[in-house]
Amino acid sequence: MNYQVFLVLHLVSVILMSGVTFAAFAAPAQENRRTFLMISGILSLLVFISGFGVMGMMGLGFPGWAMVKLVCWLVLSGLTGMAFRMTDRVPMLSTLAGVIIAIAVVMVVYKPF
């Protein structure tokens, strides 16, 4: 596959995964649980595969900023499920999701280490 294909797939799946996570925060009803978790899981897998595909195409190895992004991905992947279990803490979880997304964006833009 081409580098641009991996990059576009990664960016689109990250945006959609973030959207599904915030949609789960907005509507944490139990009838939505299965749909949101299924879509979130598929998008999370696409983020993981395409992210490592981009890094492989760039020949970067596994730098420190990528490790931070991997942790951000793990946390964001888990937040969708937490929206249905911790409905009383949705404002705190959505703030956490925003901070995690901001950290991941800063890591990829500045690549501090």
N, C-alpha and C. Protein backbone atom coordinates (compact mmCIF):
# COMPACT_ATOMS: atom_id res chain seq x y z
N MET A 1 0.83 -1.19 0.00
CA MET A 1 0.00 0.00 0.00
C MET A 1 0.88 1.25 0.00
N ASN A 2 0.31 2.31 -0.41
CA ASN A 2 0.99 3.58 -0.52
C ASN A 2 0.98 4.31 0.84
N TYR A 3 1.97 5.14 1.07
CA TYR A 3 2.07 5.91 2.32
C TYR A 3 0.84 6.79 2.52
N GLN A 4 0.38 7.47 1.46
CA GLN A 4 -0.77 8.35 1.59
C GLN A 4 -2.04 7.59 1.94
N VAL A 5 -2.17 6.37 1.45
CA VAL A 5 -3.34 5.55 1.77
C VAL A 5 -3.36 5.24 3.26
N PHE A 6 -2.22 4.82 3.80
CA PHE A 6 -2.13 4.56 5.24
C PHE A 6 -2.42 5.82 6.05
N LEU A 7 -1.88 6.94 5.62
CA LEU A 7 -2.05 8.19 6.35
C LEU A 7 -3.51 8.64 6.35
N VAL A 8 -4.15 8.60 5.19
CA VAL A 8 -5.56 8.99 5.12
C VAL A 8 -6.42 8.02 5.93
N LEU A 9 -6.16 6.73 5.83
CA LEU A 9 -6.90 5.75 6.62
C LEU A 9 -6.72 6.00 8.11
N HIS A 10 -5.50 6.33 8.52
CA HIS A 10 -5.22 6.60 9.93
C HIS A 10 -5.97 7.85 10.40
N LEU A 11 -5.87 8.92 9.64
CA LEU A 11 -6.52 10.17 10.06
C LEU A 11 -8.04 10.04 10.10
N VAL A 12 -8.61 9.42 9.08
CA VAL A 12 -10.07 9.26 9.05
C VAL A 12 -10.54 8.36 10.19
N SER A 13 -9.84 7.28 10.44
CA SER A 13 -10.26 6.38 11.51
C SER A 13 -10.08 7.01 12.90
N VAL A 14 -9.05 7.84 13.07
CA VAL A 14 -8.88 8.55 14.36
C VAL A 14 -10.02 9.55 14.56
N ILE A 15 -10.36 10.28 13.52
CA ILE A 15 -11.45 11.26 13.63
C ILE A 15 -12.77 10.55 13.93
N LEU A 16 -13.04 9.47 13.21
CA LEU A 16 -14.29 8.74 13.44
C LEU A 16 -14.31 8.08 14.82
N MET A 17 -13.17 7.55 15.27
CA MET A 17 -13.12 6.93 16.60
C MET A 17 -13.38 7.97 17.68
N SER A 18 -12.83 9.16 17.51
CA SER A 18 -13.09 10.24 18.47
C SER A 18 -14.56 10.62 18.46
N GLY A 19 -15.14 10.68 17.28
CA GLY A 19 -16.56 11.00 17.16
C GLY A 19 -17.45 9.96 17.81
N VAL A 20 -17.13 8.70 17.62
CA VAL A 20 -17.92 7.63 18.25
C VAL A 20 -17.79 7.69 19.77
N THR A 21 -16.60 8.00 20.25
CA THR A 21 -16.40 8.10 21.70
C THR A 21 -17.25 9.23 22.28
N PHE A 22 -17.23 10.39 21.63
CA PHE A 22 -18.04 11.50 22.13
C PHE A 22 -19.53 11.25 21.93
N ALA A 23 -19.92 10.50 20.90
CA ALA A 23 -21.32 10.13 20.73
C ALA A 23 -21.77 9.20 21.85
N ALA A 24 -20.88 8.31 22.29
CA ALA A 24 -21.21 7.43 23.41
C ALA A 24 -21.38 8.24 24.69
N PHE A 25 -20.59 9.31 24.85
CA PHE A 25 -20.76 10.17 26.00
C PHE A 25 -22.09 10.91 25.95
N ALA A 26 -22.53 11.27 24.75
CA ALA A 26 -23.78 12.02 24.59
C ALA A 26 -25.01 11.14 24.78
N ALA A 27 -24.93 9.87 24.45
CA ALA A 27 -26.09 8.97 24.53
C ALA A 27 -25.68 7.64 25.15
N PRO A 28 -25.40 7.62 26.47
CA PRO A 28 -24.93 6.38 27.09
C PRO A 28 -26.04 5.39 27.45
N ALA A 29 -27.13 5.34 26.69
CA ALA A 29 -28.21 4.40 26.95
C ALA A 29 -27.75 2.98 26.60
N GLN A 30 -28.25 2.02 27.32
CA GLN A 30 -27.83 0.63 27.14
C GLN A 30 -28.18 0.07 25.77
N GLU A 31 -29.23 0.57 25.13
CA GLU A 31 -29.58 0.06 23.80
C GLU A 31 -28.57 0.51 22.73
N ASN A 32 -27.79 1.54 23.02
CA ASN A 32 -26.75 2.00 22.09
C ASN A 32 -25.41 1.32 22.33
N ARG A 33 -25.28 0.61 23.43
CA ARG A 33 -23.98 0.09 23.86
C ARG A 33 -23.32 -0.81 22.83
N ARG A 34 -24.03 -1.81 22.37
CA ARG A 34 -23.44 -2.77 21.44
C ARG A 34 -22.96 -2.10 20.15
N THR A 35 -23.79 -1.23 19.59
CA THR A 35 -23.44 -0.56 18.35
C THR A 35 -22.19 0.30 18.52
N PHE A 36 -22.18 1.12 19.58
CA PHE A 36 -21.03 2.01 19.79
C PHE A 36 -19.75 1.22 20.06
N LEU A 37 -19.85 0.17 20.86
CA LEU A 37 -18.66 -0.61 21.17
C LEU A 37 -18.13 -1.36 19.95
N MET A 38 -19.03 -1.85 19.12
CA MET A 38 -18.61 -2.55 17.91
C MET A 38 -17.92 -1.59 16.93
N ILE A 39 -18.52 -0.46 16.69
CA ILE A 39 -17.92 0.52 15.78
C ILE A 39 -16.60 1.03 16.34
N SER A 40 -16.57 1.29 17.64
CA SER A 40 -15.35 1.77 18.28
C SER A 40 -14.22 0.75 18.18
N GLY A 41 -14.54 -0.50 18.36
CA GLY A 41 -13.52 -1.56 18.26
C GLY A 41 -12.95 -1.69 16.86
N ILE A 42 -13.81 -1.63 15.85
CA ILE A 42 -13.35 -1.72 14.47
C ILE A 42 -12.47 -0.53 14.12
N LEU A 43 -12.92 0.66 14.51
CA LEU A 43 -12.13 1.86 14.24
C LEU A 43 -10.81 1.85 15.01
N SER A 44 -10.84 1.34 16.23
CA SER A 44 -9.61 1.25 17.02
C SER A 44 -8.60 0.34 16.35
N LEU A 45 -9.05 -0.77 15.80
CA LEU A 45 -8.17 -1.67 15.08
C LEU A 45 -7.60 -1.00 13.83
N LEU A 46 -8.43 -0.25 13.12
CA LEU A 46 -7.95 0.47 11.95
C LEU A 46 -6.91 1.53 12.32
N VAL A 47 -7.13 2.22 13.44
CA VAL A 47 -6.16 3.21 13.91
C VAL A 47 -4.83 2.54 14.20
N PHE A 48 -4.88 1.41 14.87
CA PHE A 48 -3.66 0.68 15.25
C PHE A 48 -2.88 0.21 14.02
N ILE A 49 -3.58 -0.45 13.11
CA ILE A 49 -2.92 -1.01 11.93
C ILE A 49 -2.38 0.09 11.02
N SER A 50 -3.21 1.10 10.77
CA SER A 50 -2.77 2.17 9.87
C SER A 50 -1.66 3.02 10.51
N GLY A 51 -1.70 3.20 11.82
CA GLY A 51 -0.64 3.94 12.49
C GLY A 51 0.71 3.26 12.36
N PHE A 52 0.73 1.96 12.59
CA PHE A 52 1.99 1.24 12.42
C PHE A 52 2.38 1.13 10.95
N GLY A 53 1.38 1.12 10.06
CA GLY A 53 1.69 1.15 8.63
C GLY A 53 2.39 2.43 8.22
N VAL A 54 1.90 3.55 8.75
CA VAL A 54 2.54 4.85 8.47
C VAL A 54 3.96 4.87 9.01
N MET A 55 4.13 4.41 10.25
CA MET A 55 5.47 4.41 10.83
C MET A 55 6.41 3.48 10.06
N GLY A 56 5.90 2.36 9.60
CA GLY A 56 6.72 1.44 8.82
C GLY A 56 7.13 2.03 7.48
N MET A 57 6.19 2.72 6.84
CA MET A 57 6.50 3.35 5.55
C MET A 57 7.51 4.49 5.72
N MET A 58 7.47 5.17 6.84
CA MET A 58 8.39 6.27 7.08
C MET A 58 9.75 5.78 7.57
N GLY A 59 9.82 4.53 8.03
CA GLY A 59 11.08 3.98 8.52
C GLY A 59 11.55 4.62 9.82
N LEU A 60 10.61 4.91 10.70
CA LEU A 60 10.94 5.62 11.94
C LEU A 60 11.39 4.72 13.08
N GLY A 61 11.07 3.47 13.04
CA GLY A 61 11.30 2.62 14.20
C GLY A 61 10.15 2.82 15.18
N PHE A 62 10.49 3.01 16.47
CA PHE A 62 9.45 3.24 17.47
C PHE A 62 9.91 4.35 18.41
N PRO A 63 9.80 5.63 17.96
CA PRO A 63 10.28 6.75 18.76
C PRO A 63 9.40 7.00 19.99
N GLY A 64 9.87 7.86 20.88
CA GLY A 64 9.17 8.14 22.12
C GLY A 64 7.80 8.75 21.92
N TRP A 65 7.66 9.65 20.95
CA TRP A 65 6.36 10.26 20.72
C TRP A 65 5.33 9.24 20.25
N ALA A 66 5.78 8.20 19.56
CA ALA A 66 4.86 7.15 19.12
C ALA A 66 4.40 6.31 20.31
N MET A 67 5.27 6.13 21.30
CA MET A 67 4.86 5.41 22.51
C MET A 67 3.78 6.19 23.26
N VAL A 68 3.94 7.51 23.32
CA VAL A 68 2.92 8.35 23.97
C VAL A 68 1.61 8.26 23.21
N LYS A 69 1.68 8.29 21.87
CA LYS A 69 0.47 8.15 21.07
C LYS A 69 -0.18 6.78 21.25
N LEU A 70 0.61 5.75 21.44
CA LEU A 70 0.08 4.41 21.67
C LEU A 70 -0.71 4.37 22.98
N VAL A 71 -0.18 5.02 24.01
CA VAL A 71 -0.89 5.09 25.30
C VAL A 71 -2.18 5.90 25.14
N CYS A 72 -2.12 6.99 24.39
CA CYS A 72 -3.32 7.79 24.13
C CYS A 72 -4.37 6.96 23.40
N TRP A 73 -3.93 6.16 22.44
CA TRP A 73 -4.86 5.29 21.71
C TRP A 73 -5.51 4.28 22.65
N LEU A 74 -4.73 3.69 23.55
CA LEU A 74 -5.28 2.73 24.50
C LEU A 74 -6.33 3.37 25.40
N VAL A 75 -6.03 4.55 25.90
CA VAL A 75 -6.97 5.24 26.79
C VAL A 75 -8.23 5.62 26.03
N LEU A 76 -8.08 6.19 24.84
CA LEU A 76 -9.25 6.59 24.06
C LEU A 76 -10.09 5.37 23.67
N SER A 77 -9.47 4.26 23.40
CA SER A 77 -10.21 3.04 23.06
C SER A 77 -11.04 2.55 24.24
N GLY A 78 -10.51 2.71 25.43
CA GLY A 78 -11.23 2.26 26.62
C GLY A 78 -12.32 3.20 27.08
N LEU A 79 -12.25 4.45 26.69
CA LEU A 79 -13.23 5.43 27.17
C LEU A 79 -14.64 5.19 26.64
N THR A 80 -14.77 4.61 25.47
CA THR A 80 -16.11 4.36 24.92
C THR A 80 -16.87 3.38 25.82
N GLY A 81 -16.21 2.33 26.23
CA GLY A 81 -16.85 1.39 27.14
C GLY A 81 -17.14 1.98 28.51
N MET A 82 -16.26 2.86 28.96
CA MET A 82 -16.46 3.49 30.26
C MET A 82 -17.65 4.43 30.27
N ALA A 83 -18.01 4.96 29.10
CA ALA A 83 -19.16 5.86 29.02
C ALA A 83 -20.44 5.16 29.44
N PHE A 84 -20.53 3.87 29.20
CA PHE A 84 -21.74 3.12 29.54
C PHE A 84 -21.72 2.61 30.98
N ARG A 85 -20.56 2.52 31.57
CA ARG A 85 -20.45 2.03 32.94
C ARG A 85 -20.43 3.14 33.97
N MET A 86 -19.93 4.30 33.57
CA MET A 86 -19.78 5.43 34.49
C MET A 86 -20.59 6.61 33.98
N THR A 87 -21.89 6.44 33.85
CA THR A 87 -22.73 7.51 33.29
C THR A 87 -22.73 8.75 34.16
N ASP A 88 -22.46 8.60 35.44
CA ASP A 88 -22.43 9.77 36.32
C ASP A 88 -21.15 10.58 36.16
N ARG A 89 -20.14 10.03 35.51
CA ARG A 89 -18.86 10.72 35.34
C ARG A 89 -18.58 11.10 33.88
N VAL A 90 -19.60 11.19 33.08
CA VAL A 90 -19.42 11.51 31.66
C VAL A 90 -18.72 12.85 31.45
N PRO A 91 -19.04 13.92 32.19
CA PRO A 91 -18.30 15.18 31.96
C PRO A 91 -16.80 15.04 32.19
N MET A 92 -16.42 14.31 33.23
CA MET A 92 -14.99 14.10 33.50
C MET A 92 -14.35 13.24 32.41
N LEU A 93 -15.05 12.22 31.96
CA LEU A 93 -14.52 11.34 30.93
C LEU A 93 -14.38 12.07 29.59
N SER A 94 -15.34 12.93 29.26
CA SER A 94 -15.24 13.67 28.00
C SER A 94 -14.11 14.69 28.06
N THR A 95 -13.88 15.28 29.22
CA THR A 95 -12.73 16.18 29.37
C THR A 95 -11.43 15.40 29.21
N LEU A 96 -11.36 14.22 29.82
CA LEU A 96 -10.19 13.36 29.68
C LEU A 96 -9.96 13.00 28.22
N ALA A 97 -11.02 12.68 27.49
CA ALA A 97 -10.89 12.35 26.07
C ALA A 97 -10.34 13.53 25.28
N GLY A 98 -10.81 14.72 25.58
CA GLY A 98 -10.29 15.91 24.90
C GLY A 98 -8.82 16.14 25.19
N VAL A 99 -8.41 15.93 26.43
CA VAL A 99 -7.01 16.10 26.80
C VAL A 99 -6.15 15.05 26.11
N ILE A 100 -6.62 13.82 26.08
CA ILE A 100 -5.87 12.72 25.44
C ILE A 100 -5.70 13.00 23.94
N ILE A 101 -6.75 13.48 23.30
CA ILE A 101 -6.67 13.80 21.88
C ILE A 101 -5.69 14.94 21.65
N ALA A 102 -5.72 15.95 22.51
CA ALA A 102 -4.80 17.08 22.39
C ALA A 102 -3.35 16.62 22.56
N ILE A 103 -3.10 15.74 23.53
CA ILE A 103 -1.74 15.23 23.74
C ILE A 103 -1.26 14.47 22.50
N ALA A 104 -2.13 13.65 21.93
CA ALA A 104 -1.75 12.88 20.74
C ALA A 104 -1.45 13.80 19.57
N VAL A 105 -2.22 14.85 19.39
CA VAL A 105 -1.98 15.79 18.30
C VAL A 105 -0.66 16.54 18.51
N VAL A 106 -0.40 16.96 19.74
CA VAL A 106 0.87 17.64 20.04
C VAL A 106 2.05 16.71 19.76
N MET A 107 1.93 15.45 20.13
CA MET A 107 3.03 14.50 19.90
C MET A 107 3.32 14.33 18.42
N VAL A 108 2.29 14.24 17.60
CA VAL A 108 2.53 13.99 16.18
C VAL A 108 3.00 15.26 15.45
N VAL A 109 2.57 16.43 15.93
CA VAL A 109 2.97 17.66 15.26
C VAL A 109 4.40 18.05 15.64
N TYR A 110 4.72 18.02 16.94
CA TYR A 110 6.02 18.50 17.39
C TYR A 110 7.08 17.41 17.50
N LYS A 111 6.67 16.17 17.68
CA LYS A 111 7.61 15.03 17.83
C LYS A 111 8.74 15.39 18.79
N PRO A 112 8.39 15.67 20.07
CA PRO A 112 9.39 16.21 21.01
C PRO A 112 10.50 15.23 21.37
N PHE A 113 10.27 13.95 21.26
CA PHE A 113 11.32 12.96 21.60
C PHE A 113 11.10 11.69 20.82
